[in-house]
Amino acid sequence: MRFDVLTLFPGMLEAVLGDSIIGRAQRAGIIEINLIDIRDYTKNKHRKVDDYPYSGGGGMLMSPEPVYKAYMSVAEGLSYKPYTVYMSPQGSVFTQDTAVKMAKLDHIVILCGHYEGIDQRVLDEIVDAEISIGDFVLTGGEIPAMAVIDTISRLVPGVLAGSGSYENESHFMGLLEHPQYTRPLEWHGKRVPEVLISGNHALVDKWKHEQSLIATKLKRPDMLEKVWITEEDAEFLKRFSESREETEDEDKA
């Protein structure tokens, strides 16, 4: 998997993506991340990349030519057009499903905007999709780009130590992850749930699944509307809700 990031601040991404799992994956040659500084493709001595918008109003807009030249430094000479995304608050929201689809690609170019955005003409010329990480506005596209790269990279074979590691994580199967515990067995008077040290793998798996259902019900009930659950799961959640309501009523009494 190859990522090319067009950015005004390559140092931001380099500092984060060079460490931990993503850094190791790069050093192992599993993924490749290239940071292209858009300022390197300006003609003026001050490396100016922005200008006033014709529409007026406050703020500056990134000029099309430096962005296009930075893109062409990647695309020129290729026998294909690399899939190019623009990190934008106007884009479709990036989800785990989006990541799974994009992880099947071999080459992704990510364009990071700044200021009030980028001249629409170059976006029309090179961008295949606009992506957002939520309904809020950041100072630039670098932080969203890092989130996208991290999420997609984890799905690339060989990046995570265990082949099934990502499949058991929150969102991948449509449910949040169950609570996790490590040593010591008892901490501040709280013990690890007995089922986890019982040695009964069937009971452990059942506990994990039920705890995932509970976590999703309490923290992200909207996710339950999108995932298929069995009749047994539905009955378990019904009993859990009834039990919780009874406990709350007793506390109020």
C-alpha atoms as a PDB file:
ATOM      1  CA  MET A   1       0.000   0.000   0.000  1.00  0.00           C
ATOM      2  CA  ARG A   2       1.350   3.406  -0.995  1.00  0.00           C
ATOM      3  CA  PHE A   3       0.205   6.751   0.380  1.00  0.00           C
ATOM      4  CA  ASP A   4       1.269  10.099  -1.069  1.00  0.00           C
ATOM      5  CA  VAL A   5       0.249  13.090   1.038  1.00  0.00           C
ATOM      6  CA  LEU A   6       0.161  16.578  -0.477  1.00  0.00           C
ATOM      7  CA  THR A   7       0.581  19.003   2.416  1.00  0.00           C
ATOM      8  CA  LEU A   8       1.919  22.364   3.543  1.00  0.00           C
ATOM      9  CA  PHE A   9       3.170  20.865   6.805  1.00  0.00           C
ATOM     10  CA  PRO A  10       4.944  17.538   6.187  1.00  0.00           C
ATOM     11  CA  GLY A  11       6.616  17.742   9.593  1.00  0.00           C
ATOM     12  CA  MET A  12       3.273  17.265  11.338  1.00  0.00           C
ATOM     13  CA  LEU A  13       2.695  13.929   9.648  1.00  0.00           C
ATOM     14  CA  GLU A  14       6.293  12.767   9.809  1.00  0.00           C
ATOM     15  CA  ALA A  15       6.373  13.153  13.584  1.00  0.00           C
ATOM     16  CA  VAL A  16       3.320  10.938  14.090  1.00  0.00           C
ATOM     17  CA  LEU A  17       3.405   8.416  11.252  1.00  0.00           C
ATOM     18  CA  GLY A  18       7.053   7.520  11.824  1.00  0.00           C
ATOM     19  CA  ASP A  19       6.340   5.916  15.209  1.00  0.00           C
ATOM     20  CA  SER A  20       4.519   2.880  16.591  1.00  0.00           C
ATOM     21  CA  ILE A  21       2.753   0.363  14.358  1.00  0.00           C
ATOM     22  CA  ILE A  22       2.655   2.569  11.255  1.00  0.00           C
ATOM     23  CA  GLY A  23       6.344   3.411  11.579  1.00  0.00           C
ATOM     24  CA  ARG A  24       7.264  -0.268  11.897  1.00  0.00           C
ATOM     25  CA  ALA A  25       5.126  -1.134   8.877  1.00  0.00           C
ATOM     26  CA  GLN A  26       7.001   1.452   6.829  1.00  0.00           C
ATOM     27  CA  ARG A  27      10.382   0.161   7.925  1.00  0.00           C
ATOM     28  CA  ALA A  28       9.268  -3.364   7.058  1.00  0.00           C
ATOM     29  CA  GLY A  29       8.251  -2.229   3.582  1.00  0.00           C
ATOM     30  CA  ILE A  30       4.605  -3.201   4.062  1.00  0.00           C
ATOM     31  CA  ILE A  31       3.333   0.327   3.507  1.00  0.00           C
ATOM     32  CA  GLU A  32       4.954   3.372   1.932  1.00  0.00           C
ATOM     33  CA  ILE A  33       4.154   6.949   2.982  1.00  0.00           C
ATOM     34  CA  ASN A  34       5.543   9.846   0.955  1.00  0.00           C
ATOM     35  CA  LEU A  35       5.088  13.424   2.127  1.00  0.00           C
ATOM     36  CA  ILE A  36       5.041  16.016  -0.660  1.00  0.00           C
ATOM     37  CA  ASP A  37       5.465  19.650   0.389  1.00  0.00           C
ATOM     38  CA  ILE A  38       3.189  21.766  -1.804  1.00  0.00           C
ATOM     39  CA  ARG A  39       5.404  24.807  -1.165  1.00  0.00           C
ATOM     40  CA  ASP A  40       8.181  23.116  -3.154  1.00  0.00           C
ATOM     41  CA  TYR A  41       6.079  23.677  -6.274  1.00  0.00           C
ATOM     42  CA  THR A  42       5.687  27.448  -6.064  1.00  0.00           C
ATOM     43  CA  LYS A  43       7.504  29.900  -8.343  1.00  0.00           C
ATOM     44  CA  ASN A  44       7.763  32.889  -5.993  1.00  0.00           C
ATOM     45  CA  LYS A  45      10.714  33.402  -3.671  1.00  0.00           C
ATOM     46  CA  HIS A  46       8.494  33.516  -0.577  1.00  0.00           C
ATOM     47  CA  ARG A  47       6.963  30.102  -1.422  1.00  0.00           C
ATOM     48  CA  LYS A  48       3.515  31.656  -1.246  1.00  0.00           C
ATOM     49  CA  VAL A  49       0.713  29.187  -1.976  1.00  0.00           C
ATOM     50  CA  ASP A  50      -2.411  31.234  -1.214  1.00  0.00           C
ATOM     51  CA  ASP A  51      -4.295  34.229  -2.599  1.00  0.00           C
ATOM     52  CA  TYR A  52      -7.471  36.235  -2.051  1.00  0.00           C
ATOM     53  CA  PRO A  53     -10.709  34.594  -3.257  1.00  0.00           C
ATOM     54  CA  TYR A  54     -12.623  36.275  -6.096  1.00  0.00           C
ATOM     55  CA  SER A  55     -15.807  35.832  -4.094  1.00  0.00           C
ATOM     56  CA  GLY A  56     -14.514  38.188  -1.429  1.00  0.00           C
ATOM     57  CA  GLY A  57     -14.935  37.598   2.260  1.00  0.00           C
ATOM     58  CA  GLY A  58     -12.327  36.824   4.871  1.00  0.00           C
ATOM     59  CA  GLY A  59      -9.475  34.396   4.581  1.00  0.00           C
ATOM     60  CA  MET A  60      -7.199  33.137   1.849  1.00  0.00           C
ATOM     61  CA  LEU A  61      -7.517  30.317  -0.650  1.00  0.00           C
ATOM     62  CA  MET A  62      -4.857  27.858  -1.788  1.00  0.00           C
ATOM     63  CA  SER A  63      -3.897  28.510  -5.420  1.00  0.00           C
ATOM     64  CA  PRO A  64      -4.452  25.728  -7.969  1.00  0.00           C
ATOM     65  CA  GLU A  65      -1.042  25.583  -9.681  1.00  0.00           C
ATOM     66  CA  PRO A  66       1.181  24.548  -6.735  1.00  0.00           C
ATOM     67  CA  VAL A  67      -1.374  21.900  -5.746  1.00  0.00           C
ATOM     68  CA  TYR A  68      -1.547  20.584  -9.308  1.00  0.00           C
ATOM     69  CA  LYS A  69       2.216  20.460  -9.710  1.00  0.00           C
ATOM     70  CA  ALA A  70       2.594  18.652  -6.392  1.00  0.00           C
ATOM     71  CA  TYR A  71       0.003  16.137  -7.554  1.00  0.00           C
ATOM     72  CA  MET A  72       1.692  15.679 -10.927  1.00  0.00           C
ATOM     73  CA  SER A  73       5.002  14.984  -9.194  1.00  0.00           C
ATOM     74  CA  VAL A  74       3.261  11.831  -7.987  1.00  0.00           C
ATOM     75  CA  ALA A  75       0.952  10.995 -10.903  1.00  0.00           C
ATOM     76  CA  GLU A  76       3.183  11.814 -13.857  1.00  0.00           C
ATOM     77  CA  GLY A  77       4.674   8.705 -15.383  1.00  0.00           C
ATOM     78  CA  LEU A  78       2.196   6.315 -13.799  1.00  0.00           C
ATOM     79  CA  SER A  79       0.175   4.042 -16.060  1.00  0.00           C
ATOM     80  CA  TYR A  80      -2.909   4.699 -13.920  1.00  0.00           C
ATOM     81  CA  LYS A  81      -4.582   7.561 -12.057  1.00  0.00           C
ATOM     82  CA  PRO A  82      -3.993   7.159  -8.316  1.00  0.00           C
ATOM     83  CA  TYR A  83      -7.148   7.349  -6.207  1.00  0.00           C
ATOM     84  CA  THR A  84      -7.072  10.877  -4.801  1.00  0.00           C
ATOM     85  CA  VAL A  85      -8.995  12.124  -1.772  1.00  0.00           C
ATOM     86  CA  TYR A  86      -9.316  15.648  -0.416  1.00  0.00           C
ATOM     87  CA  MET A  87      -9.696  16.012   3.345  1.00  0.00           C
ATOM     88  CA  SER A  88     -12.622  18.411   3.652  1.00  0.00           C
ATOM     89  CA  PRO A  89     -15.389  19.147   6.197  1.00  0.00           C
ATOM     90  CA  GLN A  90     -17.770  19.015   3.220  1.00  0.00           C
ATOM     91  CA  GLY A  91     -16.830  15.418   2.403  1.00  0.00           C
ATOM     92  CA  SER A  92     -18.613  12.192   3.232  1.00  0.00           C
ATOM     93  CA  VAL A  93     -17.844  10.971   6.744  1.00  0.00           C
ATOM     94  CA  PHE A  94     -15.016   8.441   6.931  1.00  0.00           C
ATOM     95  CA  THR A  95     -16.120   5.176   8.548  1.00  0.00           C
ATOM     96  CA  GLN A  96     -14.698   1.714   9.102  1.00  0.00           C
ATOM     97  CA  ASP A  97     -16.584   0.563   6.012  1.00  0.00           C
ATOM     98  CA  THR A  98     -14.855   3.294   3.995  1.00  0.00           C
ATOM     99  CA  ALA A  99     -11.499   2.158   5.353  1.00  0.00           C
ATOM    100  CA  VAL A 100     -12.160  -1.469   4.398  1.00  0.00           C
ATOM    101  CA  LYS A 101     -12.960  -0.450   0.818  1.00  0.00           C
ATOM    102  CA  MET A 102      -9.940   1.856   0.528  1.00  0.00           C
ATOM    103  CA  ALA A 103      -7.610  -0.782   1.982  1.00  0.00           C
ATOM    104  CA  LYS A 104      -8.180  -2.804  -1.189  1.00  0.00           C
ATOM    105  CA  LEU A 105      -6.459  -0.082  -3.231  1.00  0.00           C
ATOM    106  CA  ASP A 106      -2.740  -0.134  -3.957  1.00  0.00           C
ATOM    107  CA  HIS A 107      -2.140   3.620  -4.109  1.00  0.00           C
ATOM    108  CA  ILE A 108      -3.896   6.553  -2.447  1.00  0.00           C
ATOM    109  CA  VAL A 109      -3.095  10.260  -2.754  1.00  0.00           C
ATOM    110  CA  ILE A 110      -4.348  12.453   0.099  1.00  0.00           C
ATOM    111  CA  LEU A 111      -4.658  16.220  -0.372  1.00  0.00           C
ATOM    112  CA  CYS A 112      -4.603  18.357   2.782  1.00  0.00           C
ATOM    113  CA  GLY A 113      -6.202  21.781   2.562  1.00  0.00           C
ATOM    114  CA  HIS A 114      -5.565  24.889   4.645  1.00  0.00           C
ATOM    115  CA  TYR A 115      -6.833  28.450   5.043  1.00  0.00           C
ATOM    116  CA  GLU A 116     -10.343  28.738   3.546  1.00  0.00           C
ATOM    117  CA  GLY A 117      -9.828  25.781   1.242  1.00  0.00           C
ATOM    118  CA  ILE A 118      -8.488  25.145  -2.267  1.00  0.00           C
ATOM    119  CA  ASP A 119      -9.389  26.593  -5.669  1.00  0.00           C
ATOM    120  CA  GLN A 120     -12.269  24.460  -6.960  1.00  0.00           C
ATOM    121  CA  ARG A 121     -10.742  24.042 -10.422  1.00  0.00           C
ATOM    122  CA  VAL A 122      -7.848  21.905  -9.247  1.00  0.00           C
ATOM    123  CA  LEU A 123     -10.172  19.862  -7.050  1.00  0.00           C
ATOM    124  CA  ASP A 124     -12.320  19.127 -10.099  1.00  0.00           C
ATOM    125  CA  GLU A 125      -9.179  18.175 -12.007  1.00  0.00           C
ATOM    126  CA  ILE A 126      -7.555  15.705  -9.627  1.00  0.00           C
ATOM    127  CA  VAL A 127      -9.860  14.669  -6.747  1.00  0.00           C
ATOM    128  CA  ASP A 128     -11.905  11.457  -6.801  1.00  0.00           C
ATOM    129  CA  ALA A 129     -13.563  11.848  -3.400  1.00  0.00           C
ATOM    130  CA  GLU A 130     -13.837  14.313  -0.515  1.00  0.00           C
ATOM    131  CA  ILE A 131     -13.589  12.843   2.973  1.00  0.00           C
ATOM    132  CA  SER A 132     -14.420  14.262   6.399  1.00  0.00           C
ATOM    133  CA  ILE A 133     -13.748  12.758   9.823  1.00  0.00           C
ATOM    134  CA  GLY A 134     -16.745  14.474  11.430  1.00  0.00           C
ATOM    135  CA  ASP A 135     -19.011  17.476  11.582  1.00  0.00           C
ATOM    136  CA  PHE A 136     -16.426  19.913  12.903  1.00  0.00           C
ATOM    137  CA  VAL A 137     -13.758  22.154  11.399  1.00  0.00           C
ATOM    138  CA  LEU A 138      -9.993  21.823  11.942  1.00  0.00           C
ATOM    139  CA  THR A 139      -7.210  24.197  10.927  1.00  0.00           C
ATOM    140  CA  GLY A 140      -6.079  21.869   8.143  1.00  0.00           C
ATOM    141  CA  GLY A 141      -6.312  18.431   6.622  1.00  0.00           C
ATOM    142  CA  GLU A 142      -3.207  16.944   8.220  1.00  0.00           C
ATOM    143  CA  ILE A 143      -4.841  15.537  11.360  1.00  0.00           C
ATOM    144  CA  PRO A 144      -7.705  13.936   9.389  1.00  0.00           C
ATOM    145  CA  ALA A 145      -5.164  12.567   6.895  1.00  0.00           C
ATOM    146  CA  MET A 146      -3.236  10.877   9.699  1.00  0.00           C
ATOM    147  CA  ALA A 147      -6.437   9.312  11.027  1.00  0.00           C
ATOM    148  CA  VAL A 148      -7.305   7.988   7.573  1.00  0.00           C
ATOM    149  CA  ILE A 149      -3.812   6.582   6.963  1.00  0.00           C
ATOM    150  CA  ASP A 150      -3.695   4.916  10.379  1.00  0.00           C
ATOM    151  CA  THR A 151      -7.129   3.327   9.989  1.00  0.00           C
ATOM    152  CA  ILE A 152      -6.492   2.010   6.481  1.00  0.00           C
ATOM    153  CA  SER A 153      -2.969   0.805   7.255  1.00  0.00           C
ATOM    154  CA  ARG A 154      -4.194  -1.398  10.106  1.00  0.00           C
ATOM    155  CA  LEU A 155      -6.235  -3.340   7.552  1.00  0.00           C
ATOM    156  CA  VAL A 156      -3.256  -4.048   5.298  1.00  0.00           C
ATOM    157  CA  PRO A 157      -2.028  -7.647   5.750  1.00  0.00           C
ATOM    158  CA  GLY A 158       1.127  -7.808   7.850  1.00  0.00           C
ATOM    159  CA  VAL A 159       0.750  -4.431   9.558  1.00  0.00           C
ATOM    160  CA  LEU A 160      -0.757  -5.835  12.765  1.00  0.00           C
ATOM    161  CA  ALA A 161       1.022  -8.680  14.535  1.00  0.00           C
ATOM    162  CA  GLY A 162      -2.008 -10.986  14.629  1.00  0.00           C
ATOM    163  CA  SER A 163      -3.911 -11.644  11.412  1.00  0.00           C
ATOM    164  CA  GLY A 164      -7.234 -11.345  13.226  1.00  0.00           C
ATOM    165  CA  SER A 165      -6.323  -8.421  15.482  1.00  0.00           C
ATOM    166  CA  TYR A 166      -8.343  -5.771  13.666  1.00  0.00           C
ATOM    167  CA  GLU A 167     -11.319  -8.085  13.138  1.00  0.00           C
ATOM    168  CA  ASN A 168     -12.010  -8.155  16.873  1.00  0.00           C
ATOM    169  CA  GLU A 169     -11.784  -4.405  17.381  1.00  0.00           C
ATOM    170  CA  SER A 170     -14.567  -1.872  17.849  1.00  0.00           C
ATOM    171  CA  HIS A 171     -16.578  -1.105  14.715  1.00  0.00           C
ATOM    172  CA  PHE A 172     -15.120  -3.870  12.531  1.00  0.00           C
ATOM    173  CA  MET A 173     -17.909  -6.323  13.379  1.00  0.00           C
ATOM    174  CA  GLY A 174     -20.441  -3.573  13.988  1.00  0.00           C
ATOM    175  CA  LEU A 175     -20.210  -3.716  17.795  1.00  0.00           C
ATOM    176  CA  LEU A 176     -18.009  -1.945  20.305  1.00  0.00           C
ATOM    177  CA  GLU A 177     -15.252  -3.948  21.923  1.00  0.00           C
ATOM    178  CA  HIS A 178     -15.750  -5.694  25.259  1.00  0.00           C
ATOM    179  CA  PRO A 179     -13.890  -4.456  28.398  1.00  0.00           C
ATOM    180  CA  GLN A 180     -10.238  -5.531  28.622  1.00  0.00           C
ATOM    181  CA  TYR A 181      -8.193  -6.528  31.691  1.00  0.00           C
ATOM    182  CA  THR A 182      -4.550  -7.327  32.408  1.00  0.00           C
ATOM    183  CA  ARG A 183      -2.447  -8.073  35.511  1.00  0.00           C
ATOM    184  CA  PRO A 184      -2.622  -7.715  38.468  1.00  0.00           C
ATOM    185  CA  LEU A 185      -5.582  -9.990  39.154  1.00  0.00           C
ATOM    186  CA  GLU A 186      -6.835  -7.540  41.786  1.00  0.00           C
ATOM    187  CA  TRP A 187      -6.316  -3.763  41.718  1.00  0.00           C
ATOM    188  CA  HIS A 188      -7.767  -1.225  44.185  1.00  0.00           C
ATOM    189  CA  GLY A 189     -10.130  -3.909  45.462  1.00  0.00           C
ATOM    190  CA  LYS A 190     -11.438  -4.722  41.989  1.00  0.00           C
ATOM    191  CA  ARG A 191     -10.917  -8.230  40.566  1.00  0.00           C
ATOM    192  CA  VAL A 192     -10.750  -9.346  36.977  1.00  0.00           C
ATOM    193  CA  PRO A 193     -14.087 -11.040  36.083  1.00  0.00           C
ATOM    194  CA  GLU A 194     -13.877 -14.679  37.130  1.00  0.00           C
ATOM    195  CA  VAL A 195     -14.991 -15.952  33.739  1.00  0.00           C
ATOM    196  CA  LEU A 196     -11.792 -14.610  32.149  1.00  0.00           C
ATOM    197  CA  ILE A 197      -9.608 -16.771  34.384  1.00  0.00           C
ATOM    198  CA  SER A 198     -11.874 -19.822  34.289  1.00  0.00           C
ATOM    199  CA  GLY A 199     -10.090 -21.476  31.376  1.00  0.00           C
ATOM    200  CA  ASN A 200     -13.455 -22.173  29.728  1.00  0.00           C
ATOM    201  CA  HIS A 201     -12.999 -20.701  26.241  1.00  0.00           C
ATOM    202  CA  ALA A 202     -16.663 -21.093  25.290  1.00  0.00           C
ATOM    203  CA  LEU A 203     -17.787 -19.120  28.345  1.00  0.00           C
ATOM    204  CA  VAL A 204     -15.100 -16.492  27.730  1.00  0.00           C
ATOM    205  CA  ASP A 205     -16.264 -16.015  24.129  1.00  0.00           C
ATOM    206  CA  LYS A 206     -19.885 -15.770  25.288  1.00  0.00           C
ATOM    207  CA  TRP A 207     -18.939 -13.181  27.933  1.00  0.00           C
ATOM    208  CA  LYS A 208     -16.987 -11.118  25.390  1.00  0.00           C
ATOM    209  CA  HIS A 209     -19.884 -11.071  22.951  1.00  0.00           C
ATOM    210  CA  GLU A 210     -22.434 -10.155  25.607  1.00  0.00           C
ATOM    211  CA  GLN A 211     -20.201  -7.394  26.953  1.00  0.00           C
ATOM    212  CA  SER A 212     -19.805  -6.043  23.410  1.00  0.00           C
ATOM    213  CA  LEU A 213     -23.582  -5.944  23.080  1.00  0.00           C
ATOM    214  CA  ILE A 214     -23.891  -4.108  26.408  1.00  0.00           C
ATOM    215  CA  ALA A 215     -21.153  -1.591  25.551  1.00  0.00           C
ATOM    216  CA  THR A 216     -22.782  -0.834  22.208  1.00  0.00           C
ATOM    217  CA  LYS A 217     -26.226  -0.528  23.784  1.00  0.00           C
ATOM    218  CA  LEU A 218     -24.988   1.939  26.412  1.00  0.00           C
ATOM    219  CA  LYS A 219     -22.460   3.970  24.415  1.00  0.00           C
ATOM    220  CA  ARG A 220     -23.501   3.760  20.759  1.00  0.00           C
ATOM    221  CA  PRO A 221     -27.085   2.500  20.475  1.00  0.00           C
ATOM    222  CA  ASP A 222     -27.216   3.898  16.939  1.00  0.00           C
ATOM    223  CA  MET A 223     -24.809   1.157  15.853  1.00  0.00           C
ATOM    224  CA  LEU A 224     -27.301  -1.548  16.830  1.00  0.00           C
ATOM    225  CA  GLU A 225     -29.675  -0.189  14.193  1.00  0.00           C
ATOM    226  CA  LYS A 226     -27.101  -0.923  11.473  1.00  0.00           C
ATOM    227  CA  VAL A 227     -25.844  -4.355  12.496  1.00  0.00           C
ATOM    228  CA  TRP A 228     -27.584  -7.713  12.217  1.00  0.00           C
ATOM    229  CA  ILE A 229     -28.042  -9.449  15.568  1.00  0.00           C
ATOM    230  CA  THR A 230     -29.513 -12.852  16.349  1.00  0.00           C
ATOM    231  CA  GLU A 231     -32.774 -13.459  18.191  1.00  0.00           C
ATOM    232  CA  GLU A 232     -30.665 -14.641  21.118  1.00  0.00           C
ATOM    233  CA  ASP A 233     -28.765 -11.324  21.111  1.00  0.00           C
ATOM    234  CA  ALA A 234     -32.022  -9.371  20.964  1.00  0.00           C
ATOM    235  CA  GLU A 235     -33.420 -11.354  23.895  1.00  0.00           C
ATOM    236  CA  PHE A 236     -30.221 -10.792  25.888  1.00  0.00           C
ATOM    237  CA  LEU A 237     -30.405  -7.027  25.298  1.00  0.00           C
ATOM    238  CA  LYS A 238     -34.069  -7.019  26.299  1.00  0.00           C
ATOM    239  CA  ARG A 239     -33.267  -8.757  29.599  1.00  0.00           C
ATOM    240  CA  PHE A 240     -30.348  -6.389  30.173  1.00  0.00           C
ATOM    241  CA  SER A 241     -32.531  -3.308  29.621  1.00  0.00           C
ATOM    242  CA  GLU A 242     -35.267  -4.627  31.908  1.00  0.00           C
ATOM    243  CA  SER A 243     -32.739  -5.440  34.638  1.00  0.00           C
ATOM    244  CA  ARG A 244     -31.179  -1.990  34.314  1.00  0.00           C
ATOM    245  CA  GLU A 245     -34.563  -0.280  34.569  1.00  0.00           C
ATOM    246  CA  GLU A 246     -35.392  -2.270  37.708  1.00  0.00           C
ATOM    247  CA  THR A 247     -32.062  -1.278  39.281  1.00  0.00           C
ATOM    248  CA  GLU A 248     -32.659   2.397  38.463  1.00  0.00           C
ATOM    249  CA  ASP A 249     -36.170   2.227  39.955  1.00  0.00           C
ATOM    250  CA  GLU A 250     -34.771   0.696  43.156  1.00  0.00           C
ATOM    251  CA  ASP A 251     -32.152   3.447  43.385  1.00  0.00           C
ATOM    252  CA  LYS A 252     -34.862   6.106  43.086  1.00  0.00           C
ATOM    253  CA  ALA A 253     -37.050   4.490  45.767  1.00  0.00           C
END
